[in-house]
Amino acid sequence: MAPLLTFLVRVLLVCVGLVFAGIVACFFVLMLCIWLLGAARNTVTGKPVTPFVVRMGPRGAFEEMMRRAQSQQQPASRTPRADEAAGVRRAIGDVTDVEPK
């Protein structure tokens, strides 16, 4: 009885996986159709057709995080003695290159 039950569970899991893959595929096909309709409309009306591009890169994300860090003010420290021991923090723009020995 146990081998039959494990076989049925495996068949059920494969069916669930196939249904999920089908839903994801239908979603992407629907998104492609929506983009193609917009591109066809732009072609008919004479507007430029822009490609579907996700503009994201590691350099852009790093620059965005640096911009956020520089724009925020430094909050009051919870450990004032540790800040005194660390010395004065310089702004990021004041960092100099290392001189070779």
Protein backbone atom coordinates (compact mmCIF):
# COMPACT_ATOMS: atom_id res chain seq x y z
CA MET A 1 0.00 0.00 0.00
CA ALA A 2 2.87 2.42 0.81
CA PRO A 3 4.48 2.25 -2.67
CA LEU A 4 1.11 3.03 -4.25
CA LEU A 5 0.65 6.03 -1.96
CA THR A 6 4.13 7.42 -2.68
CA PHE A 7 3.54 6.96 -6.41
CA LEU A 8 0.25 8.87 -6.19
CA VAL A 9 1.93 11.68 -4.22
CA ARG A 10 4.65 11.94 -6.85
CA VAL A 11 2.10 12.01 -9.68
CA LEU A 12 0.15 14.70 -7.82
CA LEU A 13 3.29 16.81 -7.33
CA VAL A 14 4.21 16.49 -11.01
CA CYS A 15 0.70 17.59 -11.97
CA VAL A 16 0.88 20.58 -9.62
CA GLY A 17 4.27 21.51 -11.12
CA LEU A 18 2.90 21.26 -14.65
CA VAL A 19 -0.10 23.44 -13.77
CA PHE A 20 2.20 26.05 -12.19
CA ALA A 21 4.50 26.03 -15.24
CA GLY A 22 1.46 26.44 -17.50
CA ILE A 23 0.21 29.41 -15.49
CA VAL A 24 3.61 31.09 -15.64
CA ALA A 25 3.85 30.44 -19.39
CA CYS A 26 0.36 31.88 -19.94
CA PHE A 27 1.32 34.98 -17.95
CA PHE A 28 4.41 35.58 -20.10
CA VAL A 29 2.47 34.99 -23.32
CA LEU A 30 -0.18 37.47 -22.15
CA MET A 31 2.48 40.07 -21.34
CA LEU A 32 4.06 39.50 -24.76
CA CYS A 33 0.69 39.98 -26.47
CA ILE A 34 0.07 43.21 -24.57
CA TRP A 35 3.49 44.54 -25.58
CA LEU A 36 2.99 43.50 -29.20
CA LEU A 37 -0.38 45.29 -29.31
CA GLY A 38 1.26 48.45 -27.98
CA ALA A 39 4.09 48.15 -30.50
CA ALA A 40 1.59 47.66 -33.34
CA ARG A 41 -0.39 50.70 -32.18
CA ASN A 42 2.79 52.79 -32.07
CA THR A 43 3.76 51.60 -35.54
CA VAL A 44 0.35 52.50 -36.98
CA THR A 45 0.28 55.94 -35.33
CA GLY A 46 3.88 56.71 -36.30
CA LYS A 47 5.30 56.82 -32.80
CA PRO A 48 8.66 55.17 -32.10
CA VAL A 49 8.48 51.59 -30.87
CA THR A 50 10.53 51.17 -27.72
CA PRO A 51 11.87 47.74 -26.82
CA PHE A 52 10.82 45.99 -23.64
CA VAL A 53 13.92 46.48 -21.51
CA VAL A 54 14.42 46.19 -17.78
CA ARG A 55 17.02 48.83 -16.99
CA MET A 56 18.78 47.49 -13.96
CA GLY A 57 22.42 46.86 -13.33
CA PRO A 58 24.77 46.41 -10.44
CA ARG A 59 26.49 49.74 -11.04
CA GLY A 60 23.19 51.65 -11.07
CA ALA A 61 22.02 49.97 -7.88
CA PHE A 62 25.33 50.77 -6.17
CA GLU A 63 25.18 54.42 -7.23
CA GLU A 64 21.57 54.67 -6.01
CA MET A 65 22.51 53.30 -2.59
CA MET A 66 25.47 55.68 -2.34
CA ARG A 67 23.19 58.62 -3.24
CA ARG A 68 20.74 57.58 -0.54
CA ALA A 69 23.50 57.23 2.05
CA GLN A 70 24.93 60.66 1.25
CA SER A 71 21.56 62.40 1.26
CA GLN A 72 20.55 61.14 4.71
CA GLN A 73 21.82 62.93 7.77
CA GLN A 74 23.83 60.97 10.29
CA PRO A 75 21.54 59.98 13.18
CA ALA A 76 22.60 60.49 16.77
CA SER A 77 24.89 57.71 17.87
CA ARG A 78 23.77 55.16 20.43
CA THR A 79 27.41 54.57 21.46
CA PRO A 80 29.10 57.97 21.92
CA ARG A 81 32.25 56.53 23.54
CA ALA A 82 32.88 54.23 20.56
CA ASP A 83 32.48 57.18 18.18
CA GLU A 84 35.10 59.15 20.12
CA ALA A 85 37.54 56.24 19.94
CA ALA A 86 37.00 55.82 16.19
CA GLY A 87 37.90 59.44 15.46
CA VAL A 88 36.31 61.87 13.06
CA ARG A 89 34.66 60.38 10.02
CA ARG A 90 35.55 61.97 6.73
CA ALA A 91 33.08 62.50 3.94
CA ILE A 92 33.26 60.01 1.08
CA GLY A 93 34.60 62.69 -1.26
CA ASP A 94 37.65 63.23 1.02
CA VAL A 95 39.08 59.74 0.56
CA THR A 96 42.55 59.74 -1.00
CA ASP A 97 44.37 57.06 -2.91
CA VAL A 98 46.89 54.80 -1.20
CA GLU A 99 50.49 55.70 -1.90
CA PRO A 100 52.75 52.75 -2.87
CA LYS A 101 55.75 52.00 -0.65
